[in-house]
Amino acid sequence: MKEFGEWVWEVEWGEKGFFKGRFEDKAFALEVFQKHTEDVIATVPPEKLLVFDVKDGWGPLCDFLEVPIPEEPFPRVNDKATFHKVLAGMRQGKTPGEADASWGTKKE
């Protein structure tokens, strides 16, 4: 059985994956991401879809889910440095938590 990181690498970033092995080609990766976003917006009914920018924090997410805004800070777990560290670890077959022990624990 493949390790989690190996599987994700193949499915997302590998030659046969979502980014066709060209994830580090910024223009291509943005094009793929934008096309995927457009496809989702065209497919999912607007009342069931939140196009969310994590920079906006709890507000839009909680409004969409019709729940109160938590008192705890919005988690920030995917900053650029952490993302690159986790990505490098996943290339070696590690899970995000194995690549960076702080993964999922950072707060504003």
PDB file of N, CA and C in Angstrom:
ATOM      1  N   MET A   1       0.830  -1.180   0.000  1.00  0.00           N
ATOM      2  CA  MET A   1       0.000   0.000   0.000  1.00  0.00           C
ATOM      3  C   MET A   1       0.879   1.250   0.000  1.00  0.00           C
ATOM      4  N   LYS A   2       0.489   2.239  -0.791  1.00  0.00           N
ATOM      5  CA  LYS A   2       1.272   3.456  -0.871  1.00  0.00           C
ATOM      6  C   LYS A   2       1.105   4.308   0.380  1.00  0.00           C
ATOM      7  N   GLU A   3       2.148   5.006   0.716  1.00  0.00           N
ATOM      8  CA  GLU A   3       2.083   5.965   1.814  1.00  0.00           C
ATOM      9  C   GLU A   3       1.206   7.134   1.380  1.00  0.00           C
ATOM     10  N   PHE A   4       0.609   7.804   2.351  1.00  0.00           N
ATOM     11  CA  PHE A   4      -0.292   8.914   2.081  1.00  0.00           C
ATOM     12  C   PHE A   4       0.347   9.958   1.168  1.00  0.00           C
ATOM     13  N   GLY A   5       1.541  10.399   1.513  1.00  0.00           N
ATOM     14  CA  GLY A   5       2.216  11.437   0.736  1.00  0.00           C
ATOM     15  C   GLY A   5       2.462  11.033  -0.696  1.00  0.00           C
ATOM     16  N   GLU A   6       2.852   9.777  -0.906  1.00  0.00           N
ATOM     17  CA  GLU A   6       3.078   9.285  -2.264  1.00  0.00           C
ATOM     18  C   GLU A   6       1.784   9.309  -3.068  1.00  0.00           C
ATOM     19  N   TRP A   7       0.695   8.877  -2.432  1.00  0.00           N
ATOM     20  CA  TRP A   7      -0.596   8.836  -3.106  1.00  0.00           C
ATOM     21  C   TRP A   7      -1.050  10.244  -3.487  1.00  0.00           C
ATOM     22  N   VAL A   8      -0.973  11.183  -2.523  1.00  0.00           N
ATOM     23  CA  VAL A   8      -1.386  12.558  -2.802  1.00  0.00           C
ATOM     24  C   VAL A   8      -0.519  13.151  -3.901  1.00  0.00           C
ATOM     25  N   TRP A   9       0.787  12.884  -3.832  1.00  0.00           N
ATOM     26  CA  TRP A   9       1.688  13.420  -4.848  1.00  0.00           C
ATOM     27  C   TRP A   9       1.262  12.949  -6.240  1.00  0.00           C
ATOM     28  N   GLU A  10       0.973  11.669  -6.375  1.00  0.00           N
ATOM     29  CA  GLU A  10       0.568  11.137  -7.672  1.00  0.00           C
ATOM     30  C   GLU A  10      -0.750  11.723  -8.148  1.00  0.00           C
ATOM     31  N   VAL A  11      -1.737  11.778  -7.252  1.00  0.00           N
ATOM     32  CA  VAL A  11      -3.078  12.236  -7.627  1.00  0.00           C
ATOM     33  C   VAL A  11      -3.099  13.730  -7.927  1.00  0.00           C
ATOM     34  N   GLU A  12      -2.400  14.511  -7.145  1.00  0.00           N
ATOM     35  CA  GLU A  12      -2.440  15.957  -7.326  1.00  0.00           C
ATOM     36  C   GLU A  12      -1.353  16.479  -8.254  1.00  0.00           C
ATOM     37  N   TRP A  13      -0.109  16.128  -7.970  1.00  0.00           N
ATOM     38  CA  TRP A  13       0.995  16.783  -8.641  1.00  0.00           C
ATOM     39  C   TRP A  13       1.753  15.906  -9.626  1.00  0.00           C
ATOM     40  N   GLY A  14       1.541  14.614  -9.616  1.00  0.00           N
ATOM     41  CA  GLY A  14       2.280  13.710 -10.488  1.00  0.00           C
ATOM     42  C   GLY A  14       1.934  13.884 -11.959  1.00  0.00           C
ATOM     43  N   GLU A  15       2.659  13.185 -12.805  1.00  0.00           N
ATOM     44  CA  GLU A  15       2.478  13.265 -14.259  1.00  0.00           C
ATOM     45  C   GLU A  15       1.037  12.997 -14.695  1.00  0.00           C
ATOM     46  N   LYS A  16       0.359  12.080 -14.012  1.00  0.00           N
ATOM     47  CA  LYS A  16      -1.018  11.733 -14.380  1.00  0.00           C
ATOM     48  C   LYS A  16      -2.039  12.449 -13.502  1.00  0.00           C
ATOM     49  N   GLY A  17      -1.558  13.299 -12.610  1.00  0.00           N
ATOM     50  CA  GLY A  17      -2.434  13.958 -11.655  1.00  0.00           C
ATOM     51  C   GLY A  17      -3.056  15.238 -12.178  1.00  0.00           C
ATOM     52  N   PHE A  18      -3.702  15.912 -11.271  1.00  0.00           N
ATOM     53  CA  PHE A  18      -4.437  17.138 -11.543  1.00  0.00           C
ATOM     54  C   PHE A  18      -3.565  18.174 -12.257  1.00  0.00           C
ATOM     55  N   PHE A  19      -2.316  18.313 -11.819  1.00  0.00           N
ATOM     56  CA  PHE A  19      -1.419  19.321 -12.375  1.00  0.00           C
ATOM     57  C   PHE A  19      -0.442  18.761 -13.409  1.00  0.00           C
ATOM     58  N   LYS A  20      -0.621  17.500 -13.797  1.00  0.00           N
ATOM     59  CA  LYS A  20       0.171  16.871 -14.874  1.00  0.00           C
ATOM     60  C   LYS A  20       1.677  17.012 -14.691  1.00  0.00           C
ATOM     61  N   GLY A  21       2.108  16.980 -13.426  1.00  0.00           N
ATOM     62  CA  GLY A  21       3.541  17.069 -13.151  1.00  0.00           C
ATOM     63  C   GLY A  21       4.103  18.468 -13.330  1.00  0.00           C
ATOM     64  N   ARG A  22       3.240  19.458 -13.497  1.00  0.00           N
ATOM     65  CA  ARG A  22       3.702  20.825 -13.759  1.00  0.00           C
ATOM     66  C   ARG A  22       3.276  21.791 -12.658  1.00  0.00           C
ATOM     67  N   PHE A  23       3.133  21.302 -11.433  1.00  0.00           N
ATOM     68  CA  PHE A  23       2.677  22.146 -10.333  1.00  0.00           C
ATOM     69  C   PHE A  23       3.583  23.351 -10.118  1.00  0.00           C
ATOM     70  N   GLU A  24       4.870  23.194 -10.317  1.00  0.00           N
ATOM     71  CA  GLU A  24       5.796  24.297 -10.073  1.00  0.00           C
ATOM     72  C   GLU A  24       5.851  25.294 -11.226  1.00  0.00           C
ATOM     73  N   ASP A  25       5.139  25.005 -12.319  1.00  0.00           N
ATOM     74  CA  ASP A  25       4.962  25.963 -13.412  1.00  0.00           C
ATOM     75  C   ASP A  25       3.792  26.847 -13.000  1.00  0.00           C
ATOM     76  N   LYS A  26       4.106  28.003 -12.422  1.00  0.00           N
ATOM     77  CA  LYS A  26       3.087  28.840 -11.789  1.00  0.00           C
ATOM     78  C   LYS A  26       1.939  29.193 -12.736  1.00  0.00           C
ATOM     79  N   ALA A  27       2.238  29.583 -13.962  1.00  0.00           N
ATOM     80  CA  ALA A  27       1.185  29.969 -14.906  1.00  0.00           C
ATOM     81  C   ALA A  27       0.261  28.786 -15.194  1.00  0.00           C
ATOM     82  N   PHE A  28       0.849  27.608 -15.401  1.00  0.00           N
ATOM     83  CA  PHE A  28       0.047  26.412 -15.667  1.00  0.00           C
ATOM     84  C   PHE A  28      -0.792  26.035 -14.448  1.00  0.00           C
ATOM     85  N   ALA A  29      -0.176  26.056 -13.259  1.00  0.00           N
ATOM     86  CA  ALA A  29      -0.898  25.693 -12.033  1.00  0.00           C
ATOM     87  C   ALA A  29      -2.067  26.646 -11.791  1.00  0.00           C
ATOM     88  N   LEU A  30      -1.858  27.942 -11.995  1.00  0.00           N
ATOM     89  CA  LEU A  30      -2.946  28.910 -11.822  1.00  0.00           C
ATOM     90  C   LEU A  30      -4.060  28.668 -12.840  1.00  0.00           C
ATOM     91  N   GLU A  31      -3.689  28.362 -14.063  1.00  0.00           N
ATOM     92  CA  GLU A  31      -4.687  28.061 -15.100  1.00  0.00           C
ATOM     93  C   GLU A  31      -5.527  26.844 -14.715  1.00  0.00           C
ATOM     94  N   VAL A  32      -4.883  25.786 -14.251  1.00  0.00           N
ATOM     95  CA  VAL A  32      -5.589  24.577 -13.821  1.00  0.00           C
ATOM     96  C   VAL A  32      -6.513  24.896 -12.649  1.00  0.00           C
ATOM     97  N   PHE A  33      -6.007  25.628 -11.677  1.00  0.00           N
ATOM     98  CA  PHE A  33      -6.796  25.991 -10.499  1.00  0.00           C
ATOM     99  C   PHE A  33      -8.006  26.848 -10.894  1.00  0.00           C
ATOM    100  N   GLN A  34      -7.776  27.844 -11.738  1.00  0.00           N
ATOM    101  CA  GLN A  34      -8.870  28.723 -12.154  1.00  0.00           C
ATOM    102  C   GLN A  34      -9.923  27.964 -12.951  1.00  0.00           C
ATOM    103  N   LYS A  35      -9.487  27.063 -13.817  1.00  0.00           N
ATOM    104  CA  LYS A  35     -10.433  26.251 -14.601  1.00  0.00           C
ATOM    105  C   LYS A  35     -11.257  25.368 -13.669  1.00  0.00           C
ATOM    106  N   HIS A  36     -10.616  24.763 -12.692  1.00  0.00           N
ATOM    107  CA  HIS A  36     -11.320  23.922 -11.724  1.00  0.00           C
ATOM    108  C   HIS A  36     -12.350  24.759 -10.949  1.00  0.00           C
ATOM    109  N   THR A  37     -11.939  25.943 -10.504  1.00  0.00           N
ATOM    110  CA  THR A  37     -12.849  26.821  -9.777  1.00  0.00           C
ATOM    111  C   THR A  37     -14.052  27.191 -10.648  1.00  0.00           C
ATOM    112  N   GLU A  38     -13.811  27.524 -11.897  1.00  0.00           N
ATOM    113  CA  GLU A  38     -14.903  27.858 -12.824  1.00  0.00           C
ATOM    114  C   GLU A  38     -15.848  26.671 -13.006  1.00  0.00           C
ATOM    115  N   ASP A  39     -15.288  25.476 -13.130  1.00  0.00           N
ATOM    116  CA  ASP A  39     -16.111  24.265 -13.282  1.00  0.00           C
ATOM    117  C   ASP A  39     -16.985  24.034 -12.056  1.00  0.00           C
ATOM    118  N   VAL A  40     -16.416  24.217 -10.883  1.00  0.00           N
ATOM    119  CA  VAL A  40     -17.181  24.039  -9.638  1.00  0.00           C
ATOM    120  C   VAL A  40     -18.303  25.067  -9.566  1.00  0.00           C
ATOM    121  N   ILE A  41     -17.994  26.331  -9.843  1.00  0.00           N
ATOM    122  CA  ILE A  41     -19.006  27.390  -9.798  1.00  0.00           C
ATOM    123  C   ILE A  41     -20.122  27.123 -10.801  1.00  0.00           C
ATOM    124  N   ALA A  42     -19.775  26.600 -11.970  1.00  0.00           N
ATOM    125  CA  ALA A  42     -20.775  26.309 -13.003  1.00  0.00           C
ATOM    126  C   ALA A  42     -21.624  25.088 -12.651  1.00  0.00           C
ATOM    127  N   THR A  43     -21.124  24.221 -11.802  1.00  0.00           N
ATOM    128  CA  THR A  43     -21.790  22.956 -11.500  1.00  0.00           C
ATOM    129  C   THR A  43     -22.633  22.993 -10.225  1.00  0.00           C
ATOM    130  N   VAL A  44     -22.104  23.620  -9.190  1.00  0.00           N
ATOM    131  CA  VAL A  44     -22.755  23.597  -7.876  1.00  0.00           C
ATOM    132  C   VAL A  44     -23.773  24.736  -7.782  1.00  0.00           C
ATOM    133  N   PRO A  45     -24.988  24.446  -7.326  1.00  0.00           N
ATOM    134  CA  PRO A  45     -25.982  25.511  -7.163  1.00  0.00           C
ATOM    135  C   PRO A  45     -25.459  26.594  -6.218  1.00  0.00           C
ATOM    136  N   PRO A  46     -25.677  27.880  -6.555  1.00  0.00           N
ATOM    137  CA  PRO A  46     -25.122  28.982  -5.750  1.00  0.00           C
ATOM    138  C   PRO A  46     -25.478  28.925  -4.269  1.00  0.00           C
ATOM    139  N   GLU A  47     -26.683  28.454  -3.943  1.00  0.00           N
ATOM    140  CA  GLU A  47     -27.075  28.409  -2.534  1.00  0.00           C
ATOM    141  C   GLU A  47     -26.351  27.306  -1.758  1.00  0.00           C
ATOM    142  N   LYS A  48     -25.654  26.435  -2.483  1.00  0.00           N
ATOM    143  CA  LYS A  48     -24.916  25.353  -1.820  1.00  0.00           C
ATOM    144  C   LYS A  48     -23.406  25.534  -1.936  1.00  0.00           C
ATOM    145  N   LEU A  49     -22.981  26.689  -2.439  1.00  0.00           N
ATOM    146  CA  LEU A  49     -21.557  26.899  -2.693  1.00  0.00           C
ATOM    147  C   LEU A  49     -21.060  28.165  -2.013  1.00  0.00           C
ATOM    148  N   LEU A  50     -19.974  28.029  -1.298  1.00  0.00           N
ATOM    149  CA  LEU A  50     -19.273  29.186  -0.747  1.00  0.00           C
ATOM    150  C   LEU A  50     -17.902  29.235  -1.410  1.00  0.00           C
ATOM    151  N   VAL A  51     -17.646  30.262  -2.166  1.00  0.00           N
ATOM    152  CA  VAL A  51     -16.306  30.494  -2.695  1.00  0.00           C
ATOM    153  C   VAL A  51     -15.603  31.304  -1.623  1.00  0.00           C
ATOM    154  N   PHE A  52     -14.699  30.653  -0.934  1.00  0.00           N
ATOM    155  CA  PHE A  52     -14.152  31.168   0.318  1.00  0.00           C
ATOM    156  C   PHE A  52     -12.678  31.503   0.188  1.00  0.00           C
ATOM    157  N   ASP A  53     -12.315  32.676   0.650  1.00  0.00           N
ATOM    158  CA  ASP A  53     -10.914  33.070   0.746  1.00  0.00           C
ATOM    159  C   ASP A  53     -10.554  33.048   2.230  1.00  0.00           C
ATOM    160  N   VAL A  54      -9.620  32.190   2.610  1.00  0.00           N
ATOM    161  CA  VAL A  54      -9.293  32.040   4.032  1.00  0.00           C
ATOM    162  C   VAL A  54      -8.820  33.345   4.655  1.00  0.00           C
ATOM    163  N   LYS A  55      -8.361  34.279   3.850  1.00  0.00           N
ATOM    164  CA  LYS A  55      -7.948  35.581   4.384  1.00  0.00           C
ATOM    165  C   LYS A  55      -9.123  36.315   5.031  1.00  0.00           C
ATOM    166  N   ASP A  56     -10.348  35.942   4.667  1.00  0.00           N
ATOM    167  CA  ASP A  56     -11.541  36.587   5.209  1.00  0.00           C
ATOM    168  C   ASP A  56     -11.923  36.064   6.595  1.00  0.00           C
ATOM    169  N   GLY A  57     -11.278  35.001   7.051  1.00  0.00           N
ATOM    170  CA  GLY A  57     -11.517  34.482   8.397  1.00  0.00           C
ATOM    171  C   GLY A  57     -12.886  33.855   8.591  1.00  0.00           C
ATOM    172  N   TRP A  58     -13.338  33.870   9.848  1.00  0.00           N
ATOM    173  CA  TRP A  58     -14.556  33.174  10.232  1.00  0.00           C
ATOM    174  C   TRP A  58     -15.828  33.724   9.587  1.00  0.00           C
ATOM    175  N   GLY A  59     -15.916  35.048   9.394  1.00  0.00           N
ATOM    176  CA  GLY A  59     -17.156  35.707   8.998  1.00  0.00           C
ATOM    177  C   GLY A  59     -17.936  35.046   7.870  1.00  0.00           C
ATOM    178  N   PRO A  60     -17.407  35.031   6.653  1.00  0.00           N
ATOM    179  CA  PRO A  60     -18.164  34.463   5.539  1.00  0.00           C
ATOM    180  C   PRO A  60     -18.481  32.972   5.723  1.00  0.00           C
ATOM    181  N   LEU A  61     -17.553  32.239   6.304  1.00  0.00           N
ATOM    182  CA  LEU A  61     -17.768  30.806   6.525  1.00  0.00           C
ATOM    183  C   LEU A  61     -18.918  30.575   7.501  1.00  0.00           C
ATOM    184  N   CYS A  62     -18.898  31.267   8.620  1.00  0.00           N
ATOM    185  CA  CYS A  62     -19.951  31.101   9.627  1.00  0.00           C
ATOM    186  C   CYS A  62     -21.293  31.609   9.113  1.00  0.00           C
ATOM    187  N   ASP A  63     -21.287  32.727   8.355  1.00  0.00           N
ATOM    188  CA  ASP A  63     -22.530  33.216   7.759  1.00  0.00           C
ATOM    189  C   ASP A  63     -23.129  32.167   6.827  1.00  0.00           C
ATOM    190  N   PHE A  64     -22.294  31.579   5.996  1.00  0.00           N
ATOM    191  CA  PHE A  64     -22.756  30.572   5.043  1.00  0.00           C
ATOM    192  C   PHE A  64     -23.334  29.352   5.769  1.00  0.00           C
ATOM    193  N   LEU A  65     -22.673  28.936   6.834  1.00  0.00           N
ATOM    194  CA  LEU A  65     -23.117  27.760   7.598  1.00  0.00           C
ATOM    195  C   LEU A  65     -24.205  28.091   8.617  1.00  0.00           C
ATOM    196  N   GLU A  66     -24.494  29.385   8.740  1.00  0.00           N
ATOM    197  CA  GLU A  66     -25.506  29.857   9.691  1.00  0.00           C
ATOM    198  C   GLU A  66     -25.193  29.415  11.123  1.00  0.00           C
ATOM    199  N   VAL A  67     -23.941  29.647  11.511  1.00  0.00           N
ATOM    200  CA  VAL A  67     -23.492  29.343  12.870  1.00  0.00           C
ATOM    201  C   VAL A  67     -22.794  30.585  13.430  1.00  0.00           C
ATOM    202  N   PRO A  68     -22.748  30.703  14.756  1.00  0.00           N
ATOM    203  CA  PRO A  68     -22.054  31.868  15.340  1.00  0.00           C
ATOM    204  C   PRO A  68     -20.545  31.807  15.095  1.00  0.00           C
ATOM    205  N   ILE A  69     -19.941  32.972  15.072  1.00  0.00           N
ATOM    206  CA  ILE A  69     -18.486  33.058  14.903  1.00  0.00           C
ATOM    207  C   ILE A  69     -17.814  32.620  16.205  1.00  0.00           C
ATOM    208  N   PRO A  70     -16.893  31.667  16.136  1.00  0.00           N
ATOM    209  CA  PRO A  70     -16.199  31.214  17.352  1.00  0.00           C
ATOM    210  C   PRO A  70     -15.376  32.338  17.975  1.00  0.00           C
ATOM    211  N   GLU A  71     -15.133  32.218  19.250  1.00  0.00           N
ATOM    212  CA  GLU A  71     -14.297  33.209  19.932  1.00  0.00           C
ATOM    213  C   GLU A  71     -12.815  32.953  19.686  1.00  0.00           C
ATOM    214  N   GLU A  72     -12.461  31.718  19.357  1.00  0.00           N
ATOM    215  CA  GLU A  72     -11.052  31.419  19.117  1.00  0.00           C
ATOM    216  C   GLU A  72     -10.600  31.982  17.774  1.00  0.00           C
ATOM    217  N   PRO A  73      -9.320  32.313  17.657  1.00  0.00           N
ATOM    218  CA  PRO A  73      -8.804  32.869  16.400  1.00  0.00           C
ATOM    219  C   PRO A  73      -8.951  31.879  15.244  1.00  0.00           C
ATOM    220  N   PHE A  74      -9.085  32.420  14.061  1.00  0.00           N
ATOM    221  CA  PHE A  74      -9.162  31.582  12.862  1.00  0.00           C
ATOM    222  C   PHE A  74      -7.806  30.906  12.654  1.00  0.00           C
ATOM    223  N   PRO A  75      -7.782  29.603  12.426  1.00  0.00           N
ATOM    224  CA  PRO A  75      -6.490  28.914  12.261  1.00  0.00           C
ATOM    225  C   PRO A  75      -5.795  29.315  10.965  1.00  0.00           C
ATOM    226  N   ARG A  76      -4.502  29.446  11.042  1.00  0.00           N
ATOM    227  CA  ARG A  76      -3.664  29.756   9.867  1.00  0.00           C
ATOM    228  C   ARG A  76      -2.640  28.639   9.759  1.00  0.00           C
ATOM    229  N   VAL A  77      -2.919  27.660   8.909  1.00  0.00           N
ATOM    230  CA  VAL A  77      -2.040  26.485   8.862  1.00  0.00           C
ATOM    231  C   VAL A  77      -1.343  26.300   7.525  1.00  0.00           C
ATOM    232  N   ASN A  78      -1.603  27.173   6.580  1.00  0.00           N
ATOM    233  CA  ASN A  78      -1.047  26.942   5.255  1.00  0.00           C
ATOM    234  C   ASN A  78      -0.287  28.158   4.757  1.00  0.00           C
ATOM    235  N   ASP A  79       0.544  28.762   5.631  1.00  0.00           N
ATOM    236  CA  ASP A  79       1.359  29.867   5.167  1.00  0.00           C
ATOM    237  C   ASP A  79       2.371  29.328   4.156  1.00  0.00           C
ATOM    238  N   LYS A  80       2.967  30.202   3.407  1.00  0.00           N
ATOM    239  CA  LYS A  80       3.853  29.812   2.311  1.00  0.00           C
ATOM    240  C   LYS A  80       5.011  28.918   2.762  1.00  0.00           C
ATOM    241  N   ALA A  81       5.663  29.285   3.852  1.00  0.00           N
ATOM    242  CA  ALA A  81       6.808  28.498   4.327  1.00  0.00           C
ATOM    243  C   ALA A  81       6.383  27.093   4.739  1.00  0.00           C
ATOM    244  N   THR A  82       5.274  26.997   5.468  1.00  0.00           N
ATOM    245  CA  THR A  82       4.777  25.685   5.892  1.00  0.00           C
ATOM    246  C   THR A  82       4.364  24.859   4.681  1.00  0.00           C
ATOM    247  N   PHE A  83       3.680  25.492   3.736  1.00  0.00           N
ATOM    248  CA  PHE A  83       3.241  24.779   2.526  1.00  0.00           C
ATOM    249  C   PHE A  83       4.432  24.156   1.812  1.00  0.00           C
ATOM    250  N   HIS A  84       5.499  24.927   1.624  1.00  0.00           N
ATOM    251  CA  HIS A  84       6.678  24.396   0.924  1.00  0.00           C
ATOM    252  C   HIS A  84       7.343  23.272   1.714  1.00  0.00           C
ATOM    253  N   LYS A  85       7.374  23.404   3.036  1.00  0.00           N
ATOM    254  CA  LYS A  85       7.952  22.351   3.880  1.00  0.00           C
ATOM    255  C   LYS A  85       7.123  21.074   3.784  1.00  0.00           C
ATOM    256  N   VAL A  86       5.800  21.215   3.858  1.00  0.00           N
ATOM    257  CA  VAL A  86       4.906  20.056   3.762  1.00  0.00           C
ATOM    258  C   VAL A  86       5.000  19.432   2.372  1.00  0.00           C
ATOM    259  N   LEU A  87       5.014  20.246   1.342  1.00  0.00           N
ATOM    260  CA  LEU A  87       5.115  19.744  -0.030  1.00  0.00           C
ATOM    261  C   LEU A  87       6.401  18.944  -0.218  1.00  0.00           C
ATOM    262  N   ALA A  88       7.514  19.456   0.299  1.00  0.00           N
ATOM    263  CA  ALA A  88       8.789  18.733   0.206  1.00  0.00           C
ATOM    264  C   ALA A  88       8.703  17.396   0.939  1.00  0.00           C
ATOM    265  N   GLY A  89       8.058  17.385   2.106  1.00  0.00           N
ATOM    266  CA  GLY A  89       7.893  16.138   2.849  1.00  0.00           C
ATOM    267  C   GLY A  89       7.015  15.141   2.113  1.00  0.00           C
ATOM    268  N   MET A  90       5.953  15.639   1.465  1.00  0.00           N
ATOM    269  CA  MET A  90       5.056  14.742   0.742  1.00  0.00           C
ATOM    270  C   MET A  90       5.759  14.107  -0.456  1.00  0.00           C
ATOM    271  N   ARG A  91       6.696  14.831  -1.025  1.00  0.00           N
ATOM    272  CA  ARG A  91       7.490  14.250  -2.125  1.00  0.00           C
ATOM    273  C   ARG A  91       8.297  13.050  -1.632  1.00  0.00           C
ATOM    274  N   GLN A  92       8.542  13.012  -0.330  1.00  0.00           N
ATOM    275  CA  GLN A  92       9.283  11.906   0.281  1.00  0.00           C
ATOM    276  C   GLN A  92       8.346  10.871   0.897  1.00  0.00           C
ATOM    277  N   GLY A  93       7.038  11.019   0.648  1.00  0.00           N
ATOM    278  CA  GLY A  93       6.074  10.043   1.139  1.00  0.00           C
ATOM    279  C   GLY A  93       5.541  10.319   2.538  1.00  0.00           C
ATOM    280  N   LYS A  94       5.788  11.511   3.075  1.00  0.00           N
ATOM    281  CA  LYS A  94       5.329  11.836   4.426  1.00  0.00           C
ATOM    282  C   LYS A  94       3.930  12.437   4.388  1.00  0.00           C
ATOM    283  N   THR A  95       3.199  12.323   5.498  1.00  0.00           N
ATOM    284  CA  THR A  95       1.939  13.034   5.651  1.00  0.00           C
ATOM    285  C   THR A  95       2.278  14.483   6.004  1.00  0.00           C
ATOM    286  N   PRO A  96       1.311  15.408   5.867  1.00  0.00           N
ATOM    287  CA  PRO A  96       1.608  16.785   6.266  1.00  0.00           C
ATOM    288  C   PRO A  96       2.100  16.892   7.708  1.00  0.00           C
ATOM    289  N   GLY A  97       1.499  16.158   8.635  1.00  0.00           N
ATOM    290  CA  GLY A  97       1.917  16.202  10.031  1.00  0.00           C
ATOM    291  C   GLY A  97       3.317  15.665  10.253  1.00  0.00           C
ATOM    292  N   GLU A  98       3.721  14.691   9.458  1.00  0.00           N
ATOM    293  CA  GLU A  98       5.085  14.168   9.565  1.00  0.00           C
ATOM    294  C   GLU A  98       6.099  15.160   8.997  1.00  0.00           C
ATOM    295  N   ALA A  99       5.690  15.904   7.983  1.00  0.00           N
ATOM    296  CA  ALA A  99       6.578  16.878   7.352  1.00  0.00           C
ATOM    297  C   ALA A  99       6.760  18.122   8.210  1.00  0.00           C
ATOM    298  N   ASP A 100       5.706  18.492   8.966  1.00  0.00           N
ATOM    299  CA  ASP A 100       5.759  19.670   9.822  1.00  0.00           C
ATOM    300  C   ASP A 100       4.864  19.430  11.013  1.00  0.00           C
ATOM    301  N   ALA A 101       5.466  19.258  12.183  1.00  0.00           N
ATOM    302  CA  ALA A 101       4.696  18.911  13.400  1.00  0.00           C
ATOM    303  C   ALA A 101       3.697  19.988  13.780  1.00  0.00           C
ATOM    304  N   SER A 102       3.870  21.224  13.296  1.00  0.00           N
ATOM    305  CA  SER A 102       2.927  22.285  13.647  1.00  0.00           C
ATOM    306  C   SER A 102       1.722  22.305  12.718  1.00  0.00           C
ATOM    307  N   TRP A 103       1.697  21.447  11.701  1.00  0.00           N
ATOM    308  CA  TRP A 103       0.609  21.439  10.725  1.00  0.00           C
ATOM    309  C   TRP A 103      -0.737  21.290  11.446  1.00  0.00           C
ATOM    310  N   GLY A 104      -1.625  22.220  11.173  1.00  0.00           N
ATOM    311  CA  GLY A 104      -2.960  22.160  11.755  1.00  0.00           C
ATOM    312  C   GLY A 104      -3.073  22.749  13.150  1.00  0.00           C
ATOM    313  N   THR A 105      -1.972  23.326  13.667  1.00  0.00           N
ATOM    314  CA  THR A 105      -2.031  23.837  15.031  1.00  0.00           C
ATOM    315  C   THR A 105      -1.828  25.343  15.120  1.00  0.00           C
ATOM    316  N   LYS A 106      -1.509  26.004  14.027  1.00  0.00           N
ATOM    317  CA  LYS A 106      -1.221  27.435  14.070  1.00  0.00           C
ATOM    318  C   LYS A 106      -2.490  28.241  14.190  1.00  0.00           C
ATOM    319  N   LYS A 107      -2.437  29.320  14.916  1.00  0.00           N
ATOM    320  CA  LYS A 107      -3.553  30.244  15.091  1.00  0.00           C
ATOM    321  C   LYS A 107      -3.112  31.632  14.647  1.00  0.00           C
ATOM    322  N   GLU A 108      -4.091  32.519  14.455  1.00  0.00           N
ATOM    323  CA  GLU A 108      -3.797  33.903  14.049  1.00  0.00           C
ATOM    324  C   GLU A 108      -2.810  34.535  15.003  1.00  0.00           C
TER     325      GLU A 108
END
